[in-house]
Amino acid sequence: MNIIADETYHIYNQGNNKETIFLKNEDYIQFLWLFRKFVLPFSKVLAYCLMPNHFHFLIHTTKDSEKTRRIGNIDLCELSNGFRLLQSNYATYFNKHYERSGSLFRQKTKAKSLTEGDIHYGFIAFQYIHQNPLKAGLVTRMESWLYSSFADYMKLRHGTLCDQELAFHLIGFDKENFETESYKSIDENLILKIFN
């Protein structure tokens, strides 16, 4: 990941060969606990969603995100290293817990800067991330999915992972009509742009 401070990134990865990476509630909780330990100190989270075989984070970077450290022969920024540690520690937990071996995640975690493109990319990514469980048919209401930030934005729980004020400032969603706006369909061509 080539990370620059004060930019917004859509960061995502999936299970190797689209394998399931979360089997039980405790797996999602463990992953989020590790995220807080390894990634959160180097970033601001605007939105997230953990799906059975992949994850999405909308991250706003800080000066700490782009600081580098030497890992073996490679210089990694703190944010990249945080995601590396998150995934390797989670894979160790998962493999031990389910008596499996081998890599759990695809080798490269993707990070797409949303500040390079259209001014609306941040909003599209924010909506797309929250709509994931609904579009996958896992729930009939987005607020029913426990493993995303949507319920926090709906004020149904008091999650502390996301910086909601920063998200509002950067994305500019409509607080008064948040639920209505969130359920609007997103054009597939616009979704493709947050990945390419």
C-alpha atoms as a PDB file:
ATOM      1  CA  MET A   1       0.000   0.000   0.000  1.00  0.00           C
ATOM      2  CA  ASN A   2       1.304   3.406  -0.953  1.00  0.00           C
ATOM      3  CA  ILE A   3      -0.240   5.593   1.762  1.00  0.00           C
ATOM      4  CA  ILE A   4      -0.347   9.386   1.972  1.00  0.00           C
ATOM      5  CA  ALA A   5      -1.524  11.238   5.081  1.00  0.00           C
ATOM      6  CA  ASP A   6      -4.900  13.016   5.085  1.00  0.00           C
ATOM      7  CA  GLU A   7      -6.451  10.927   2.319  1.00  0.00           C
ATOM      8  CA  THR A   8      -9.391   8.541   2.344  1.00  0.00           C
ATOM      9  CA  TYR A   9      -8.856   4.932   1.290  1.00  0.00           C
ATOM     10  CA  HIS A  10     -11.149   2.008   0.604  1.00  0.00           C
ATOM     11  CA  ILE A  11      -9.190  -0.924   2.038  1.00  0.00           C
ATOM     12  CA  TYR A  12     -10.388  -4.463   1.456  1.00  0.00           C
ATOM     13  CA  ASN A  13      -9.377  -8.080   1.192  1.00  0.00           C
ATOM     14  CA  GLN A  14     -10.998 -11.481   1.051  1.00  0.00           C
ATOM     15  CA  GLY A  15     -10.369 -15.055   1.973  1.00  0.00           C
ATOM     16  CA  ASN A  16      -7.943 -17.000  -0.170  1.00  0.00           C
ATOM     17  CA  ASN A  17      -9.964 -18.546  -3.025  1.00  0.00           C
ATOM     18  CA  LYS A  18     -12.990 -16.646  -1.601  1.00  0.00           C
ATOM     19  CA  GLU A  19     -12.853 -18.950   1.423  1.00  0.00           C
ATOM     20  CA  THR A  20     -14.967 -18.082   4.470  1.00  0.00           C
ATOM     21  CA  ILE A  21     -12.911 -16.160   7.024  1.00  0.00           C
ATOM     22  CA  PHE A  22     -15.584 -15.665   9.703  1.00  0.00           C
ATOM     23  CA  LEU A  23     -17.561 -18.702  10.840  1.00  0.00           C
ATOM     24  CA  LYS A  24     -18.932 -17.591  14.206  1.00  0.00           C
ATOM     25  CA  ASN A  25     -19.739 -14.398  16.079  1.00  0.00           C
ATOM     26  CA  GLU A  26     -16.534 -14.755  18.103  1.00  0.00           C
ATOM     27  CA  ASP A  27     -14.474 -14.668  14.892  1.00  0.00           C
ATOM     28  CA  TYR A  28     -15.846 -11.258  13.918  1.00  0.00           C
ATOM     29  CA  ILE A  29     -15.227  -9.988  17.449  1.00  0.00           C
ATOM     30  CA  GLN A  30     -11.654 -11.303  17.447  1.00  0.00           C
ATOM     31  CA  PHE A  31     -10.956  -9.632  14.094  1.00  0.00           C
ATOM     32  CA  LEU A  32     -12.290  -6.278  15.315  1.00  0.00           C
ATOM     33  CA  TRP A  33     -10.293  -6.583  18.534  1.00  0.00           C
ATOM     34  CA  LEU A  34      -7.126  -7.168  16.504  1.00  0.00           C
ATOM     35  CA  PHE A  35      -8.070  -4.276  14.207  1.00  0.00           C
ATOM     36  CA  ARG A  36      -8.253  -1.958  17.227  1.00  0.00           C
ATOM     37  CA  LYS A  37      -4.848  -3.193  18.370  1.00  0.00           C
ATOM     38  CA  PHE A  38      -2.922  -3.076  15.094  1.00  0.00           C
ATOM     39  CA  VAL A  39      -4.681  -0.649  12.711  1.00  0.00           C
ATOM     40  CA  LEU A  40      -6.723   1.887  14.662  1.00  0.00           C
ATOM     41  CA  PRO A  41      -3.692   3.605  16.275  1.00  0.00           C
ATOM     42  CA  PHE A  42      -2.558   4.610  12.773  1.00  0.00           C
ATOM     43  CA  SER A  43      -5.841   5.694  11.175  1.00  0.00           C
ATOM     44  CA  LYS A  44      -9.345   7.108  11.483  1.00  0.00           C
ATOM     45  CA  VAL A  45     -12.172   4.741  10.540  1.00  0.00           C
ATOM     46  CA  LEU A  46     -15.121   6.192   8.632  1.00  0.00           C
ATOM     47  CA  ALA A  47     -17.014   2.941   7.907  1.00  0.00           C
ATOM     48  CA  TYR A  48     -16.508  -0.805   7.934  1.00  0.00           C
ATOM     49  CA  CYS A  49     -18.222  -4.054   7.100  1.00  0.00           C
ATOM     50  CA  LEU A  50     -17.058  -7.590   7.782  1.00  0.00           C
ATOM     51  CA  MET A  51     -18.639 -10.167   5.499  1.00  0.00           C
ATOM     52  CA  PRO A  52     -18.339 -13.964   5.803  1.00  0.00           C
ATOM     53  CA  ASN A  53     -15.517 -14.125   3.227  1.00  0.00           C
ATOM     54  CA  HIS A  54     -14.173 -10.558   3.001  1.00  0.00           C
ATOM     55  CA  PHE A  55     -13.879  -7.191   4.702  1.00  0.00           C
ATOM     56  CA  HIS A  56     -14.119  -3.496   3.804  1.00  0.00           C
ATOM     57  CA  PHE A  57     -12.840  -0.450   5.662  1.00  0.00           C
ATOM     58  CA  LEU A  58     -13.144   3.196   4.719  1.00  0.00           C
ATOM     59  CA  ILE A  59     -10.076   4.739   6.337  1.00  0.00           C
ATOM     60  CA  HIS A  60      -8.883   8.317   6.600  1.00  0.00           C
ATOM     61  CA  THR A  61      -5.127   8.443   7.059  1.00  0.00           C
ATOM     62  CA  THR A  62      -3.108  10.475   9.542  1.00  0.00           C
ATOM     63  CA  LYS A  63       0.561  11.427   9.779  1.00  0.00           C
ATOM     64  CA  ASP A  64       1.041   8.221  11.778  1.00  0.00           C
ATOM     65  CA  SER A  65      -0.409   6.176   8.895  1.00  0.00           C
ATOM     66  CA  GLU A  66       2.416   7.046   6.518  1.00  0.00           C
ATOM     67  CA  LYS A  67       5.340   6.718   8.945  1.00  0.00           C
ATOM     68  CA  THR A  68       7.558   3.844   7.879  1.00  0.00           C
ATOM     69  CA  ARG A  69       9.290   1.037   9.699  1.00  0.00           C
ATOM     70  CA  ARG A  70      11.740  -1.581   8.483  1.00  0.00           C
ATOM     71  CA  ILE A  71      10.344  -5.137   8.417  1.00  0.00           C
ATOM     72  CA  GLY A  72      13.121  -7.462   7.273  1.00  0.00           C
ATOM     73  CA  ASN A  73      14.330  -5.941   3.985  1.00  0.00           C
ATOM     74  CA  ILE A  74      11.176  -3.928   3.351  1.00  0.00           C
ATOM     75  CA  ASP A  75      10.075  -0.483   4.494  1.00  0.00           C
ATOM     76  CA  LEU A  76       6.371  -0.542   5.329  1.00  0.00           C
ATOM     77  CA  CYS A  77       4.168   2.335   6.379  1.00  0.00           C
ATOM     78  CA  GLU A  78       2.461   1.892   9.736  1.00  0.00           C
ATOM     79  CA  LEU A  79      -0.978   1.456   8.160  1.00  0.00           C
ATOM     80  CA  SER A  80       0.227  -1.288   5.799  1.00  0.00           C
ATOM     81  CA  ASN A  81       2.072  -2.965   8.625  1.00  0.00           C
ATOM     82  CA  GLY A  82      -1.028  -2.718  10.804  1.00  0.00           C
ATOM     83  CA  PHE A  83      -3.120  -4.551   8.215  1.00  0.00           C
ATOM     84  CA  ARG A  84      -0.326  -7.106   7.791  1.00  0.00           C
ATOM     85  CA  LEU A  85      -0.278  -7.775  11.534  1.00  0.00           C
ATOM     86  CA  LEU A  86      -4.078  -7.823  11.725  1.00  0.00           C
ATOM     87  CA  GLN A  87      -4.381 -10.477   9.030  1.00  0.00           C
ATOM     88  CA  SER A  88      -1.445 -12.628  10.157  1.00  0.00           C
ATOM     89  CA  ASN A  89      -2.593 -12.623  13.794  1.00  0.00           C
ATOM     90  CA  TYR A  90      -6.180 -13.329  12.802  1.00  0.00           C
ATOM     91  CA  ALA A  91      -5.065 -16.170  10.479  1.00  0.00           C
ATOM     92  CA  THR A  92      -3.080 -17.683  13.360  1.00  0.00           C
ATOM     93  CA  TYR A  93      -6.161 -17.478  15.593  1.00  0.00           C
ATOM     94  CA  PHE A  94      -8.455 -18.888  12.883  1.00  0.00           C
ATOM     95  CA  ASN A  95      -6.136 -21.736  11.877  1.00  0.00           C
ATOM     96  CA  LYS A  96      -5.633 -22.807  15.492  1.00  0.00           C
ATOM     97  CA  HIS A  97      -9.319 -22.471  16.358  1.00  0.00           C
ATOM     98  CA  TYR A  98     -10.534 -24.468  13.343  1.00  0.00           C
ATOM     99  CA  GLU A  99      -7.570 -26.853  13.044  1.00  0.00           C
ATOM    100  CA  ARG A 100      -6.572 -25.732   9.597  1.00  0.00           C
ATOM    101  CA  SER A 101      -3.307 -24.577   8.026  1.00  0.00           C
ATOM    102  CA  GLY A 102      -2.145 -22.379   5.194  1.00  0.00           C
ATOM    103  CA  SER A 103      -2.899 -18.849   4.131  1.00  0.00           C
ATOM    104  CA  LEU A 104      -6.310 -17.480   5.011  1.00  0.00           C
ATOM    105  CA  PHE A 105      -6.316 -14.186   3.081  1.00  0.00           C
ATOM    106  CA  ARG A 106      -5.434 -13.209  -0.457  1.00  0.00           C
ATOM    107  CA  GLN A 107      -1.823 -12.149  -0.533  1.00  0.00           C
ATOM    108  CA  LYS A 108      -2.308  -8.441  -1.230  1.00  0.00           C
ATOM    109  CA  THR A 109      -4.727  -6.233   0.649  1.00  0.00           C
ATOM    110  CA  LYS A 110      -6.123  -3.601  -1.721  1.00  0.00           C
ATOM    111  CA  ALA A 111      -6.105   0.106  -0.877  1.00  0.00           C
ATOM    112  CA  LYS A 112      -7.839   2.481  -3.278  1.00  0.00           C
ATOM    113  CA  SER A 113      -7.395   6.193  -2.632  1.00  0.00           C
ATOM    114  CA  LEU A 114     -10.736   7.903  -3.066  1.00  0.00           C
ATOM    115  CA  THR A 115      -9.232  11.377  -3.238  1.00  0.00           C
ATOM    116  CA  GLU A 116      -7.792  10.732  -6.708  1.00  0.00           C
ATOM    117  CA  GLY A 117     -11.160  10.506  -8.420  1.00  0.00           C
ATOM    118  CA  ASP A 118     -14.636  11.940  -8.373  1.00  0.00           C
ATOM    119  CA  ILE A 119     -15.649  14.036  -5.365  1.00  0.00           C
ATOM    120  CA  HIS A 120     -18.466  11.555  -4.689  1.00  0.00           C
ATOM    121  CA  TYR A 121     -16.243   8.445  -4.381  1.00  0.00           C
ATOM    122  CA  GLY A 122     -16.158   8.709  -0.592  1.00  0.00           C
ATOM    123  CA  PHE A 123     -19.950   8.801  -0.392  1.00  0.00           C
ATOM    124  CA  ILE A 124     -20.303   5.915  -2.853  1.00  0.00           C
ATOM    125  CA  ALA A 125     -17.790   3.784  -0.924  1.00  0.00           C
ATOM    126  CA  PHE A 126     -19.509   4.638   2.372  1.00  0.00           C
ATOM    127  CA  GLN A 127     -22.893   3.542   0.999  1.00  0.00           C
ATOM    128  CA  TYR A 128     -21.502   0.487  -0.807  1.00  0.00           C
ATOM    129  CA  ILE A 129     -19.748  -0.788   2.329  1.00  0.00           C
ATOM    130  CA  HIS A 130     -22.923  -0.546   4.399  1.00  0.00           C
ATOM    131  CA  GLN A 131     -25.127  -2.068   1.673  1.00  0.00           C
ATOM    132  CA  ASN A 132     -22.924  -5.178   1.304  1.00  0.00           C
ATOM    133  CA  PRO A 133     -24.865  -7.504   3.664  1.00  0.00           C
ATOM    134  CA  LEU A 134     -28.197  -6.421   2.169  1.00  0.00           C
ATOM    135  CA  LYS A 135     -27.057  -6.992  -1.417  1.00  0.00           C
ATOM    136  CA  ALA A 136     -25.612 -10.382  -0.438  1.00  0.00           C
ATOM    137  CA  GLY A 137     -28.978 -11.405   0.999  1.00  0.00           C
ATOM    138  CA  LEU A 138     -27.620 -11.889   4.516  1.00  0.00           C
ATOM    139  CA  VAL A 139     -30.187  -9.497   6.025  1.00  0.00           C
ATOM    140  CA  THR A 140     -33.366  -7.727   4.964  1.00  0.00           C
ATOM    141  CA  ARG A 141     -32.371  -4.532   6.824  1.00  0.00           C
ATOM    142  CA  MET A 142     -28.820  -3.179   6.943  1.00  0.00           C
ATOM    143  CA  GLU A 143     -29.103  -2.339  10.634  1.00  0.00           C
ATOM    144  CA  SER A 144     -29.590  -6.057  11.344  1.00  0.00           C
ATOM    145  CA  TRP A 145     -26.034  -6.901  10.281  1.00  0.00           C
ATOM    146  CA  LEU A 146     -23.960  -6.823  13.468  1.00  0.00           C
ATOM    147  CA  TYR A 147     -20.587  -6.585  11.784  1.00  0.00           C
ATOM    148  CA  SER A 148     -20.749  -3.177  10.114  1.00  0.00           C
ATOM    149  CA  SER A 149     -20.798   0.424  11.261  1.00  0.00           C
ATOM    150  CA  PHE A 150     -24.297   1.031   9.896  1.00  0.00           C
ATOM    151  CA  ALA A 151     -26.069   0.384  13.227  1.00  0.00           C
ATOM    152  CA  ASP A 152     -23.727   2.910  14.861  1.00  0.00           C
ATOM    153  CA  TYR A 153     -24.669   5.589  12.352  1.00  0.00           C
ATOM    154  CA  MET A 154     -28.335   4.707  12.903  1.00  0.00           C
ATOM    155  CA  LYS A 155     -27.758   5.318  16.656  1.00  0.00           C
ATOM    156  CA  LEU A 156     -28.894   1.762  17.487  1.00  0.00           C
ATOM    157  CA  ARG A 157     -25.701   1.090  19.422  1.00  0.00           C
ATOM    158  CA  HIS A 158     -22.794   3.125  20.710  1.00  0.00           C
ATOM    159  CA  GLY A 159     -19.877   1.770  18.719  1.00  0.00           C
ATOM    160  CA  THR A 160     -16.595   3.626  19.098  1.00  0.00           C
ATOM    161  CA  LEU A 161     -14.628   2.326  16.118  1.00  0.00           C
ATOM    162  CA  CYS A 162     -15.757   4.999  13.639  1.00  0.00           C
ATOM    163  CA  ASP A 163     -15.101   8.708  13.867  1.00  0.00           C
ATOM    164  CA  GLN A 164     -18.630   9.707  12.861  1.00  0.00           C
ATOM    165  CA  GLU A 165     -18.045  13.461  12.964  1.00  0.00           C
ATOM    166  CA  LEU A 166     -15.017  13.140  10.687  1.00  0.00           C
ATOM    167  CA  ALA A 167     -17.044  10.904   8.352  1.00  0.00           C
ATOM    168  CA  PHE A 168     -19.803  13.508   8.184  1.00  0.00           C
ATOM    169  CA  HIS A 169     -17.266  16.264   7.538  1.00  0.00           C
ATOM    170  CA  LEU A 170     -15.445  14.333   4.782  1.00  0.00           C
ATOM    171  CA  ILE A 171     -18.375  12.533   3.162  1.00  0.00           C
ATOM    172  CA  GLY A 172     -21.165  14.996   3.815  1.00  0.00           C
ATOM    173  CA  PHE A 173     -24.022  12.513   4.122  1.00  0.00           C
ATOM    174  CA  ASP A 174     -27.424  13.860   5.126  1.00  0.00           C
ATOM    175  CA  LYS A 175     -27.799  13.235   8.878  1.00  0.00           C
ATOM    176  CA  GLU A 176     -31.515  14.043   8.853  1.00  0.00           C
ATOM    177  CA  ASN A 177     -32.284  11.595   6.032  1.00  0.00           C
ATOM    178  CA  PHE A 178     -29.516   9.097   6.708  1.00  0.00           C
ATOM    179  CA  GLU A 179     -31.696   5.974   6.637  1.00  0.00           C
ATOM    180  CA  THR A 180     -33.564   6.941   3.454  1.00  0.00           C
ATOM    181  CA  GLU A 181     -30.364   7.937   1.652  1.00  0.00           C
ATOM    182  CA  SER A 182     -28.576   4.761   2.777  1.00  0.00           C
ATOM    183  CA  TYR A 183     -31.174   2.483   1.204  1.00  0.00           C
ATOM    184  CA  LYS A 184     -30.991   4.118  -2.223  1.00  0.00           C
ATOM    185  CA  SER A 185     -29.531   1.896  -4.908  1.00  0.00           C
ATOM    186  CA  ILE A 186     -26.067   2.766  -6.216  1.00  0.00           C
ATOM    187  CA  ASP A 187     -25.316   2.647  -9.948  1.00  0.00           C
ATOM    188  CA  GLU A 188     -23.056  -0.383 -10.640  1.00  0.00           C
ATOM    189  CA  ASN A 189     -20.757   1.746 -12.837  1.00  0.00           C
ATOM    190  CA  LEU A 190     -20.104   4.053  -9.889  1.00  0.00           C
ATOM    191  CA  ILE A 191     -19.343   1.083  -7.639  1.00  0.00           C
ATOM    192  CA  LEU A 192     -16.719  -0.180 -10.092  1.00  0.00           C
ATOM    193  CA  LYS A 193     -14.859   3.126  -9.770  1.00  0.00           C
ATOM    194  CA  ILE A 194     -14.230   2.619  -6.057  1.00  0.00           C
ATOM    195  CA  PHE A 195     -12.307  -0.552  -6.934  1.00  0.00           C
ATOM    196  CA  ASN A 196     -10.435   0.501 -10.104  1.00  0.00           C
END
